[in-house]
Amino acid sequence: MDYHTFPRNNILCIDMRSFYASVECVKLGLDPMTTMLAVVGDKTRSGSIILAASPALKQRYGVKNVSRYFELPEDPNIHIVQARMGDYVKVSIEITKLLYRYAPREAIHPYSVDEMWLTVNGLEKIYGNAYQIAHMLKTEIYETMGLTCAIGIGDNKFLAKVVMDLYAKKTGIATCRYEDVEALLWPVEVEKIWGDWQ
């Protein structure tokens, strides 16, 4: 297929890994990637929903963000904290302010409290190519806030978002250009690809 008439952009989709749980780990001085921590909507109710589980808790016990408080295994190494939505919004704002230092406001498109798109067209002469910019931002977010993120890079928001979901959450940074769609997306079950059917 000839893609030369398609619009070319350098768009990053930045997703904060286990955002609520990671923020709580940092507040406690713990490593978000190795600590088992669950953020619970209401610690006084056993049926309360777990709003976020750290990667280590997900990996060891299979805890999901829709699990219930009473389903948590009795392990003294699991930290259980009350959700503090105001704190997560504040950190989200700080992340956005960090991005403002590198790109104009109109280039930043929030999707949720922990996910956003960033168009980096025209920034290559200052910071390098899209991958180098993604690596720079990923490093700075970690070094200044202690938070890990996954970043997808694409010619449009859809490709950046999908490659982030499918690949960058495992590798840290991943790229999908129009030419990569057949190799990267066609083999994936359609239900696993971000869209309105989910």
N, C-alpha and C. Protein backbone atom coordinates (compact mmCIF):
# COMPACT_ATOMS: atom_id res chain seq x y z
N MET A 1 0.85 -1.19 0.00
CA MET A 1 0.00 0.00 0.00
C MET A 1 0.89 1.24 0.00
N ASP A 2 0.43 2.27 -0.72
CA ASP A 2 1.19 3.52 -0.82
C ASP A 2 0.71 4.49 0.25
N TYR A 3 1.60 4.83 1.17
CA TYR A 3 1.23 5.70 2.29
C TYR A 3 1.68 7.14 2.09
N HIS A 4 2.21 7.49 0.93
CA HIS A 4 2.82 8.81 0.78
C HIS A 4 1.82 9.95 0.91
N THR A 5 0.52 9.68 0.70
CA THR A 5 -0.48 10.74 0.85
C THR A 5 -1.04 10.84 2.26
N PHE A 6 -0.66 9.89 3.13
CA PHE A 6 -1.16 9.89 4.50
C PHE A 6 -0.45 10.96 5.33
N PRO A 7 -1.15 11.60 6.26
CA PRO A 7 -0.49 12.60 7.11
C PRO A 7 0.55 11.95 8.02
N ARG A 8 1.74 12.53 8.08
CA ARG A 8 2.82 12.02 8.92
C ARG A 8 2.97 12.91 10.14
N ASN A 9 2.92 12.29 11.29
CA ASN A 9 3.11 13.02 12.54
C ASN A 9 4.02 12.22 13.46
N ASN A 10 4.54 12.89 14.45
CA ASN A 10 5.26 12.22 15.53
C ASN A 10 4.44 12.43 16.79
N ILE A 11 3.61 11.44 17.12
CA ILE A 11 2.72 11.55 18.27
C ILE A 11 3.10 10.49 19.29
N LEU A 12 3.25 10.94 20.53
CA LEU A 12 3.55 10.03 21.63
C LEU A 12 2.28 9.81 22.44
N CYS A 13 2.05 8.58 22.87
CA CYS A 13 0.98 8.28 23.82
C CYS A 13 1.67 7.85 25.10
N ILE A 14 1.54 8.66 26.13
CA ILE A 14 2.23 8.43 27.40
C ILE A 14 1.24 7.88 28.42
N ASP A 15 1.55 6.72 28.97
CA ASP A 15 0.70 6.08 29.96
C ASP A 15 1.50 5.82 31.22
N MET A 16 1.03 6.35 32.36
CA MET A 16 1.72 6.13 33.62
C MET A 16 1.38 4.73 34.13
N ARG A 17 2.40 3.95 34.43
CA ARG A 17 2.20 2.55 34.82
C ARG A 17 1.61 2.45 36.23
N SER A 18 0.46 1.77 36.34
CA SER A 18 -0.22 1.56 37.64
C SER A 18 -0.20 2.86 38.44
N PHE A 19 -0.75 3.90 37.86
CA PHE A 19 -0.55 5.27 38.33
C PHE A 19 -0.89 5.47 39.81
N TYR A 20 -2.11 5.13 40.22
CA TYR A 20 -2.49 5.37 41.62
C TYR A 20 -1.57 4.62 42.57
N ALA A 21 -1.32 3.36 42.25
CA ALA A 21 -0.46 2.53 43.11
C ALA A 21 0.96 3.07 43.12
N SER A 22 1.44 3.53 41.98
CA SER A 22 2.80 4.06 41.91
C SER A 22 2.94 5.34 42.72
N VAL A 23 1.93 6.20 42.64
CA VAL A 23 1.97 7.45 43.43
C VAL A 23 2.02 7.12 44.91
N GLU A 24 1.21 6.15 45.34
CA GLU A 24 1.19 5.77 46.76
C GLU A 24 2.54 5.16 47.18
N CYS A 25 3.15 4.37 46.32
CA CYS A 25 4.46 3.80 46.64
C CYS A 25 5.50 4.90 46.82
N VAL A 26 5.52 5.86 45.93
CA VAL A 26 6.48 6.95 46.02
C VAL A 26 6.27 7.74 47.32
N LYS A 27 5.02 7.97 47.68
CA LYS A 27 4.72 8.69 48.93
C LYS A 27 5.26 7.93 50.14
N LEU A 28 5.28 6.60 50.05
CA LEU A 28 5.76 5.77 51.16
C LEU A 28 7.25 5.48 51.07
N GLY A 29 7.90 6.01 50.03
CA GLY A 29 9.32 5.77 49.86
C GLY A 29 9.64 4.37 49.37
N LEU A 30 8.68 3.75 48.65
CA LEU A 30 8.84 2.37 48.17
C LEU A 30 8.99 2.35 46.65
N ASP A 31 9.58 1.31 46.12
CA ASP A 31 9.76 1.15 44.69
C ASP A 31 8.44 0.70 44.07
N PRO A 32 7.83 1.51 43.19
CA PRO A 32 6.54 1.16 42.60
C PRO A 32 6.55 -0.13 41.78
N MET A 33 7.70 -0.50 41.25
CA MET A 33 7.77 -1.67 40.38
C MET A 33 8.02 -2.98 41.13
N THR A 34 8.47 -2.90 42.38
CA THR A 34 8.76 -4.13 43.13
C THR A 34 7.88 -4.30 44.36
N THR A 35 7.21 -3.24 44.78
CA THR A 35 6.37 -3.29 45.97
C THR A 35 4.98 -3.82 45.64
N MET A 36 4.46 -4.68 46.51
CA MET A 36 3.07 -5.14 46.34
C MET A 36 2.17 -4.17 47.10
N LEU A 37 1.35 -3.44 46.36
CA LEU A 37 0.48 -2.42 46.96
C LEU A 37 -0.85 -2.38 46.23
N ALA A 38 -1.92 -2.23 47.02
CA ALA A 38 -3.26 -2.11 46.46
C ALA A 38 -3.89 -0.81 46.94
N VAL A 39 -4.50 -0.10 46.02
CA VAL A 39 -5.24 1.12 46.35
C VAL A 39 -6.71 0.75 46.39
N VAL A 40 -7.33 0.93 47.56
CA VAL A 40 -8.72 0.52 47.77
C VAL A 40 -9.61 1.75 47.87
N GLY A 41 -10.78 1.66 47.26
CA GLY A 41 -11.71 2.79 47.29
C GLY A 41 -12.15 3.15 48.70
N ASP A 42 -12.45 2.14 49.53
CA ASP A 42 -12.90 2.37 50.91
C ASP A 42 -12.41 1.21 51.78
N LYS A 43 -11.40 1.48 52.58
CA LYS A 43 -10.80 0.42 53.39
C LYS A 43 -11.74 -0.08 54.48
N THR A 44 -12.83 0.63 54.74
CA THR A 44 -13.76 0.20 55.78
C THR A 44 -14.79 -0.82 55.26
N ARG A 45 -14.79 -1.05 53.94
CA ARG A 45 -15.76 -1.96 53.33
C ARG A 45 -15.03 -3.10 52.63
N SER A 46 -15.29 -4.33 53.03
CA SER A 46 -14.59 -5.48 52.43
C SER A 46 -14.93 -5.66 50.96
N GLY A 47 -16.10 -5.19 50.57
CA GLY A 47 -16.51 -5.33 49.17
C GLY A 47 -16.05 -4.20 48.28
N SER A 48 -15.27 -3.28 48.85
CA SER A 48 -14.80 -2.14 48.07
C SER A 48 -13.90 -2.58 46.92
N ILE A 49 -13.92 -1.83 45.85
CA ILE A 49 -13.13 -2.16 44.66
C ILE A 49 -11.68 -1.74 44.84
N ILE A 50 -10.80 -2.57 44.32
CA ILE A 50 -9.38 -2.21 44.25
C ILE A 50 -9.22 -1.34 43.01
N LEU A 51 -8.90 -0.08 43.22
CA LEU A 51 -8.79 0.86 42.11
C LEU A 51 -7.48 0.71 41.36
N ALA A 52 -6.45 0.24 42.04
CA ALA A 52 -5.15 0.06 41.39
C ALA A 52 -4.34 -0.97 42.16
N ALA A 53 -3.61 -1.77 41.41
CA ALA A 53 -2.69 -2.73 41.99
C ALA A 53 -1.33 -2.52 41.36
N SER A 54 -0.30 -2.58 42.16
CA SER A 54 1.05 -2.39 41.64
C SER A 54 1.43 -3.56 40.72
N PRO A 55 2.38 -3.35 39.81
CA PRO A 55 2.79 -4.44 38.91
C PRO A 55 3.21 -5.71 39.65
N ALA A 56 3.91 -5.56 40.77
CA ALA A 56 4.37 -6.74 41.52
C ALA A 56 3.18 -7.51 42.10
N LEU A 57 2.15 -6.80 42.55
CA LEU A 57 0.96 -7.45 43.11
C LEU A 57 0.18 -8.16 42.00
N LYS A 58 0.10 -7.53 40.86
CA LYS A 58 -0.59 -8.15 39.72
C LYS A 58 0.13 -9.42 39.30
N GLN A 59 1.45 -9.33 39.24
CA GLN A 59 2.23 -10.47 38.76
C GLN A 59 2.20 -11.64 39.73
N ARG A 60 2.32 -11.35 41.02
CA ARG A 60 2.41 -12.45 41.99
C ARG A 60 1.06 -13.10 42.27
N TYR A 61 0.03 -12.29 42.42
CA TYR A 61 -1.27 -12.84 42.83
C TYR A 61 -2.38 -12.68 41.78
N GLY A 62 -2.07 -12.05 40.66
CA GLY A 62 -3.10 -11.88 39.63
C GLY A 62 -4.19 -10.90 40.01
N VAL A 63 -3.89 -10.00 40.95
CA VAL A 63 -4.89 -9.01 41.38
C VAL A 63 -5.13 -8.02 40.25
N LYS A 64 -6.39 -7.76 39.97
CA LYS A 64 -6.75 -6.83 38.90
C LYS A 64 -7.40 -5.59 39.50
N ASN A 65 -7.49 -4.55 38.68
CA ASN A 65 -8.05 -3.29 39.16
C ASN A 65 -9.55 -3.37 39.42
N VAL A 66 -10.18 -4.47 39.04
CA VAL A 66 -11.62 -4.63 39.31
C VAL A 66 -11.86 -5.65 40.43
N SER A 67 -10.77 -6.12 41.04
CA SER A 67 -10.92 -7.08 42.14
C SER A 67 -11.53 -6.38 43.35
N ARG A 68 -11.99 -7.18 44.30
CA ARG A 68 -12.56 -6.64 45.54
C ARG A 68 -11.55 -6.73 46.68
N TYR A 69 -11.70 -5.84 47.64
CA TYR A 69 -10.81 -5.78 48.79
C TYR A 69 -10.70 -7.15 49.47
N PHE A 70 -11.84 -7.83 49.67
CA PHE A 70 -11.83 -9.11 50.39
C PHE A 70 -11.11 -10.22 49.62
N GLU A 71 -10.87 -9.99 48.32
CA GLU A 71 -10.20 -11.00 47.51
C GLU A 71 -8.67 -10.95 47.64
N LEU A 72 -8.17 -9.91 48.28
CA LEU A 72 -6.71 -9.81 48.45
C LEU A 72 -6.21 -10.96 49.32
N PRO A 73 -5.12 -11.59 48.93
CA PRO A 73 -4.56 -12.66 49.76
C PRO A 73 -4.02 -12.10 51.08
N GLU A 74 -4.01 -12.91 52.10
CA GLU A 74 -3.49 -12.48 53.39
C GLU A 74 -1.97 -12.62 53.39
N ASP A 75 -1.32 -11.59 52.92
CA ASP A 75 0.13 -11.56 52.84
C ASP A 75 0.59 -10.28 53.52
N PRO A 76 1.39 -10.38 54.58
CA PRO A 76 1.84 -9.19 55.30
C PRO A 76 2.70 -8.25 54.46
N ASN A 77 3.16 -8.73 53.31
CA ASN A 77 4.00 -7.89 52.44
C ASN A 77 3.18 -7.00 51.52
N ILE A 78 1.85 -7.16 51.55
CA ILE A 78 0.99 -6.33 50.72
C ILE A 78 0.62 -5.06 51.49
N HIS A 79 0.91 -3.93 50.89
CA HIS A 79 0.53 -2.64 51.46
C HIS A 79 -0.87 -2.30 50.94
N ILE A 80 -1.78 -1.95 51.83
CA ILE A 80 -3.13 -1.58 51.44
C ILE A 80 -3.36 -0.13 51.84
N VAL A 81 -3.68 0.70 50.87
CA VAL A 81 -3.85 2.13 51.14
C VAL A 81 -5.20 2.62 50.63
N GLN A 82 -5.68 3.64 51.28
CA GLN A 82 -6.93 4.29 50.89
C GLN A 82 -6.69 5.19 49.68
N ALA A 83 -7.60 5.15 48.72
CA ALA A 83 -7.47 6.00 47.53
C ALA A 83 -7.54 7.47 47.92
N ARG A 84 -6.69 8.26 47.31
CA ARG A 84 -6.65 9.71 47.54
C ARG A 84 -6.65 10.39 46.16
N MET A 85 -7.83 10.56 45.60
CA MET A 85 -7.95 11.05 44.23
C MET A 85 -7.33 12.42 44.04
N GLY A 86 -7.44 13.26 45.06
CA GLY A 86 -6.85 14.60 44.96
C GLY A 86 -5.35 14.54 44.73
N ASP A 87 -4.68 13.59 45.38
CA ASP A 87 -3.23 13.44 45.21
C ASP A 87 -2.89 13.01 43.78
N TYR A 88 -3.69 12.13 43.21
CA TYR A 88 -3.41 11.64 41.86
C TYR A 88 -3.60 12.74 40.82
N VAL A 89 -4.62 13.58 41.05
CA VAL A 89 -4.84 14.71 40.15
C VAL A 89 -3.68 15.69 40.24
N LYS A 90 -3.19 15.94 41.43
CA LYS A 90 -2.05 16.87 41.60
C LYS A 90 -0.81 16.36 40.87
N VAL A 91 -0.53 15.07 41.00
CA VAL A 91 0.63 14.50 40.32
C VAL A 91 0.43 14.56 38.80
N SER A 92 -0.79 14.30 38.34
CA SER A 92 -1.09 14.38 36.92
C SER A 92 -0.82 15.79 36.40
N ILE A 93 -1.20 16.78 37.17
CA ILE A 93 -0.96 18.18 36.78
C ILE A 93 0.54 18.45 36.72
N GLU A 94 1.30 17.91 37.65
CA GLU A 94 2.75 18.10 37.65
C GLU A 94 3.39 17.47 36.41
N ILE A 95 2.87 16.32 36.00
CA ILE A 95 3.39 15.67 34.80
C ILE A 95 3.10 16.54 33.57
N THR A 96 1.89 17.09 33.53
CA THR A 96 1.52 17.97 32.41
C THR A 96 2.41 19.21 32.40
N LYS A 97 2.69 19.77 33.57
CA LYS A 97 3.57 20.94 33.65
C LYS A 97 4.97 20.60 33.14
N LEU A 98 5.42 19.38 33.42
CA LEU A 98 6.73 18.95 32.92
C LEU A 98 6.72 18.94 31.39
N LEU A 99 5.64 18.43 30.80
CA LEU A 99 5.54 18.39 29.35
C LEU A 99 5.50 19.78 28.75
N TYR A 100 4.90 20.74 29.48
CA TYR A 100 4.83 22.12 29.00
C TYR A 100 6.22 22.70 28.78
N ARG A 101 7.21 22.19 29.48
CA ARG A 101 8.57 22.71 29.34
C ARG A 101 9.19 22.31 28.00
N TYR A 102 8.59 21.31 27.34
CA TYR A 102 9.16 20.81 26.10
C TYR A 102 8.29 21.05 24.88
N ALA A 103 7.01 21.23 25.09
CA ALA A 103 6.09 21.36 23.95
C ALA A 103 5.02 22.40 24.28
N PRO A 104 4.45 23.04 23.24
CA PRO A 104 3.38 24.01 23.49
C PRO A 104 2.12 23.34 24.01
N ARG A 105 1.29 24.10 24.69
CA ARG A 105 0.07 23.55 25.29
C ARG A 105 -0.83 22.86 24.27
N GLU A 106 -0.91 23.42 23.08
CA GLU A 106 -1.80 22.84 22.08
C GLU A 106 -1.30 21.48 21.58
N ALA A 107 -0.07 21.13 21.90
CA ALA A 107 0.47 19.84 21.49
C ALA A 107 0.15 18.73 22.49
N ILE A 108 -0.41 19.09 23.65
CA ILE A 108 -0.70 18.12 24.70
C ILE A 108 -2.19 17.85 24.75
N HIS A 109 -2.57 16.57 24.66
CA HIS A 109 -3.98 16.19 24.62
C HIS A 109 -4.25 15.14 25.70
N PRO A 110 -4.74 15.58 26.86
CA PRO A 110 -5.03 14.62 27.94
C PRO A 110 -6.14 13.65 27.53
N TYR A 111 -5.95 12.38 27.91
CA TYR A 111 -6.97 11.36 27.66
C TYR A 111 -7.61 10.93 28.98
N SER A 112 -6.82 10.87 30.02
CA SER A 112 -7.31 10.56 31.36
C SER A 112 -6.31 11.12 32.36
N VAL A 113 -6.53 10.86 33.64
CA VAL A 113 -5.63 11.40 34.66
C VAL A 113 -4.23 10.83 34.53
N ASP A 114 -4.09 9.66 33.90
CA ASP A 114 -2.77 9.03 33.82
C ASP A 114 -2.31 8.74 32.39
N GLU A 115 -2.97 9.34 31.42
CA GLU A 115 -2.62 9.06 30.03
C GLU A 115 -2.85 10.29 29.17
N MET A 116 -1.93 10.52 28.23
CA MET A 116 -2.06 11.70 27.37
C MET A 116 -1.31 11.47 26.07
N TRP A 117 -1.71 12.24 25.05
CA TRP A 117 -0.97 12.26 23.79
C TRP A 117 -0.15 13.54 23.75
N LEU A 118 1.00 13.45 23.11
CA LEU A 118 1.88 14.60 22.95
C LEU A 118 2.38 14.61 21.51
N THR A 119 2.05 15.67 20.78
CA THR A 119 2.54 15.82 19.40
C THR A 119 3.88 16.53 19.45
N VAL A 120 4.90 15.89 18.89
CA VAL A 120 6.25 16.46 18.97
C VAL A 120 6.76 16.90 17.61
N ASN A 121 5.85 17.13 16.67
CA ASN A 121 6.23 17.64 15.36
C ASN A 121 7.04 18.93 15.52
N GLY A 122 8.16 19.01 14.83
CA GLY A 122 8.96 20.23 14.85
C GLY A 122 9.95 20.33 16.00
N LEU A 123 9.90 19.37 16.91
CA LEU A 123 10.82 19.42 18.06
C LEU A 123 12.10 18.62 17.81
N GLU A 124 12.19 17.98 16.66
CA GLU A 124 13.32 17.11 16.38
C GLU A 124 14.65 17.85 16.40
N LYS A 125 14.67 19.09 15.88
CA LYS A 125 15.94 19.84 15.83
C LYS A 125 16.43 20.22 17.22
N ILE A 126 15.52 20.24 18.18
CA ILE A 126 15.90 20.62 19.55
C ILE A 126 16.25 19.40 20.38
N TYR A 127 15.41 18.35 20.29
CA TYR A 127 15.55 17.22 21.21
C TYR A 127 15.91 15.89 20.54
N GLY A 128 15.89 15.83 19.21
CA GLY A 128 16.17 14.58 18.52
C GLY A 128 14.89 13.97 17.96
N ASN A 129 14.99 12.74 17.47
CA ASN A 129 13.83 12.10 16.85
C ASN A 129 12.80 11.69 17.90
N ALA A 130 11.68 11.18 17.44
CA ALA A 130 10.57 10.87 18.35
C ALA A 130 10.98 9.89 19.43
N TYR A 131 11.76 8.88 19.07
CA TYR A 131 12.20 7.90 20.07
C TYR A 131 13.09 8.57 21.11
N GLN A 132 13.99 9.43 20.68
CA GLN A 132 14.87 10.12 21.62
C GLN A 132 14.07 11.04 22.56
N ILE A 133 13.05 11.68 22.02
CA ILE A 133 12.19 12.53 22.85
C ILE A 133 11.44 11.68 23.87
N ALA A 134 10.91 10.54 23.43
CA ALA A 134 10.19 9.64 24.34
C ALA A 134 11.12 9.17 25.46
N HIS A 135 12.32 8.79 25.10
CA HIS A 135 13.28 8.32 26.10
C HIS A 135 13.64 9.43 27.08
N MET A 136 13.81 10.65 26.58
CA MET A 136 14.12 11.79 27.43
C MET A 136 13.00 12.05 28.44
N LEU A 137 11.76 12.05 27.96
CA LEU A 137 10.62 12.31 28.84
C LEU A 137 10.44 11.19 29.86
N LYS A 138 10.56 9.97 29.39
CA LYS A 138 10.43 8.80 30.28
C LYS A 138 11.46 8.88 31.40
N THR A 139 12.69 9.22 31.04
CA THR A 139 13.77 9.33 32.03
C THR A 139 13.51 10.46 33.01
N GLU A 140 13.09 11.61 32.51
CA GLU A 140 12.87 12.76 33.39
C GLU A 140 11.71 12.53 34.35
N ILE A 141 10.64 11.92 33.86
CA ILE A 141 9.50 11.63 34.74
C ILE A 141 9.93 10.70 35.87
N TYR A 142 10.75 9.71 35.52
CA TYR A 142 11.21 8.78 36.55
C TYR A 142 12.17 9.46 37.53
N GLU A 143 13.10 10.25 37.00
CA GLU A 143 14.11 10.86 37.87
C GLU A 143 13.54 11.96 38.76
N THR A 144 12.52 12.65 38.30
CA THR A 144 11.96 13.76 39.08
C THR A 144 10.78 13.34 39.95
N MET A 145 10.07 12.29 39.55
CA MET A 145 8.86 11.90 40.27
C MET A 145 8.87 10.46 40.77
N GLY A 146 9.84 9.67 40.31
CA GLY A 146 9.91 8.27 40.73
C GLY A 146 8.86 7.40 40.07
N LEU A 147 8.26 7.87 38.98
CA LEU A 147 7.17 7.15 38.32
C LEU A 147 7.61 6.61 36.97
N THR A 148 7.14 5.40 36.66
CA THR A 148 7.47 4.75 35.39
C THR A 148 6.31 4.92 34.41
N CYS A 149 6.65 5.13 33.15
CA CYS A 149 5.61 5.25 32.13
C CYS A 149 5.96 4.40 30.92
N ALA A 150 4.95 4.12 30.12
CA ALA A 150 5.12 3.46 28.84
C ALA A 150 4.75 4.47 27.77
N ILE A 151 5.50 4.46 26.66
CA ILE A 151 5.24 5.45 25.61
C ILE A 151 5.16 4.76 24.25
N GLY A 152 4.04 5.01 23.57
CA GLY A 152 3.87 4.54 22.20
C GLY A 152 4.09 5.69 21.24
N ILE A 153 4.67 5.41 20.09
CA ILE A 153 4.96 6.43 19.09
C ILE A 153 4.27 6.03 17.79
N GLY A 154 3.55 6.97 17.18
CA GLY A 154 2.86 6.64 15.94
C GLY A 154 2.64 7.84 15.05
N ASP A 155 2.17 7.57 13.83
CA ASP A 155 1.85 8.63 12.87
C ASP A 155 0.57 9.35 13.24
N ASN A 156 -0.27 8.71 14.07
CA ASN A 156 -1.50 9.35 14.54
C ASN A 156 -1.78 8.86 15.96
N LYS A 157 -2.80 9.41 16.58
CA LYS A 157 -3.11 9.07 17.98
C LYS A 157 -3.48 7.60 18.13
N PHE A 158 -4.21 7.07 17.17
CA PHE A 158 -4.63 5.67 17.27
C PHE A 158 -3.42 4.74 17.29
N LEU A 159 -2.51 4.91 16.34
CA LEU A 159 -1.34 4.04 16.28
C LEU A 159 -0.47 4.19 17.53
N ALA A 160 -0.33 5.42 18.02
CA ALA A 160 0.48 5.64 19.23
C ALA A 160 -0.15 4.96 20.43
N LYS A 161 -1.46 5.06 20.55
CA LYS A 161 -2.18 4.46 21.67
C LYS A 161 -2.13 2.93 21.60
N VAL A 162 -2.38 2.37 20.44
CA VAL A 162 -2.44 0.92 20.31
C VAL A 162 -1.07 0.29 20.53
N VAL A 163 -0.03 0.88 19.96
CA VAL A 163 1.31 0.29 20.14
C VAL A 163 1.77 0.45 21.59
N MET A 164 1.30 1.50 22.25
CA MET A 164 1.62 1.65 23.68
C MET A 164 0.96 0.52 24.47
N ASP A 165 -0.33 0.30 24.23
CA ASP A 165 -1.06 -0.75 24.95
C ASP A 165 -0.48 -2.14 24.71
N LEU A 166 -0.19 -2.45 23.46
CA LEU A 166 0.20 -3.81 23.08
C LEU A 166 1.68 -4.11 23.30
N TYR A 167 2.53 -3.11 23.13
CA TYR A 167 3.96 -3.37 23.15
C TYR A 167 4.76 -2.55 24.17
N ALA A 168 4.48 -1.25 24.26
CA ALA A 168 5.30 -0.41 25.13
C ALA A 168 5.13 -0.74 26.61
N LYS A 169 3.97 -1.28 26.98
CA LYS A 169 3.78 -1.66 28.39
C LYS A 169 4.72 -2.80 28.79
N LYS A 170 5.27 -3.49 27.77
CA LYS A 170 6.23 -4.56 28.04
C LYS A 170 7.67 -4.09 27.83
N THR A 171 7.87 -3.21 26.85
CA THR A 171 9.23 -2.81 26.48
C THR A 171 9.62 -1.41 26.94
N GLY A 172 8.65 -0.59 27.35
CA GLY A 172 8.93 0.78 27.77
C GLY A 172 8.60 1.79 26.70
N ILE A 173 9.12 1.60 25.50
CA ILE A 173 8.84 2.47 24.36
C ILE A 173 8.65 1.59 23.13
N ALA A 174 7.64 1.88 22.31
CA ALA A 174 7.42 1.12 21.08
C ALA A 174 6.88 2.05 20.00
N THR A 175 7.16 1.71 18.76
CA THR A 175 6.77 2.55 17.63
C THR A 175 5.93 1.76 16.64
N CYS A 176 4.91 2.42 16.08
CA CYS A 176 4.11 1.82 15.00
C CYS A 176 3.81 2.89 13.97
N ARG A 177 4.46 2.77 12.82
CA ARG A 177 4.17 3.65 11.69
C ARG A 177 3.17 2.93 10.78
N TYR A 178 2.65 3.64 9.78
CA TYR A 178 1.69 3.01 8.87
C TYR A 178 2.25 1.70 8.31
N GLU A 179 3.53 1.72 7.95
CA GLU A 179 4.14 0.55 7.35
C GLU A 179 4.25 -0.64 8.31
N ASP A 180 4.12 -0.38 9.61
CA ASP A 180 4.26 -1.44 10.61
C ASP A 180 2.94 -2.12 10.97
N VAL A 181 1.83 -1.58 10.50
CA VAL A 181 0.52 -2.07 10.91
C VAL A 181 0.34 -3.56 10.60
N GLU A 182 0.73 -3.97 9.41
CA GLU A 182 0.54 -5.37 9.03
C GLU A 182 1.29 -6.32 9.96
N ALA A 183 2.53 -5.96 10.30
CA ALA A 183 3.35 -6.83 11.14
C ALA A 183 2.96 -6.76 12.61
N LEU A 184 2.61 -5.56 13.09
CA LEU A 184 2.37 -5.39 14.53
C LEU A 184 0.92 -5.56 14.96
N LEU A 185 -0.02 -5.15 14.11
CA LEU A 185 -1.43 -5.15 14.54
C LEU A 185 -2.26 -6.27 13.95
N TRP A 186 -2.01 -6.66 12.72
CA TRP A 186 -2.84 -7.69 12.10
C TRP A 186 -2.84 -9.01 12.87
N PRO A 187 -1.72 -9.44 13.46
CA PRO A 187 -1.75 -10.72 14.18
C PRO A 187 -2.51 -10.66 15.51
N VAL A 188 -2.86 -9.46 15.98
CA VAL A 188 -3.49 -9.29 17.29
C VAL A 188 -5.00 -9.45 17.19
N GLU A 189 -5.58 -10.16 18.14
CA GLU A 189 -7.04 -10.31 18.18
C GLU A 189 -7.69 -8.93 18.29
N VAL A 190 -8.72 -8.70 17.51
CA VAL A 190 -9.31 -7.36 17.44
C VAL A 190 -9.83 -6.90 18.80
N GLU A 191 -10.26 -7.84 19.64
CA GLU A 191 -10.78 -7.47 20.97
C GLU A 191 -9.70 -6.85 21.86
N LYS A 192 -8.43 -7.11 21.53
CA LYS A 192 -7.34 -6.59 22.35
C LYS A 192 -6.86 -5.21 21.88
N ILE A 193 -7.44 -4.75 20.78
CA ILE A 193 -7.05 -3.45 20.24
C ILE A 193 -8.02 -2.38 20.72
N TRP A 194 -7.47 -1.29 21.20
CA TRP A 194 -8.25 -0.19 21.76
C TRP A 194 -9.28 0.31 20.75
N GLY A 195 -10.51 0.49 21.23
CA GLY A 195 -11.56 1.00 20.37
C GLY A 195 -12.90 0.99 21.07
N ASP A 196 -13.96 1.40 20.38
CA ASP A 196 -15.29 1.53 20.97
C ASP A 196 -15.92 0.20 21.34
N TRP A 197 -15.43 -0.92 20.78
CA TRP A 197 -16.03 -2.23 21.07
C TRP A 197 -15.61 -2.73 22.45
N GLN A 198 -14.63 -2.10 23.09
CA GLN A 198 -14.17 -2.59 24.39
C GLN A 198 -15.13 -2.23 25.49
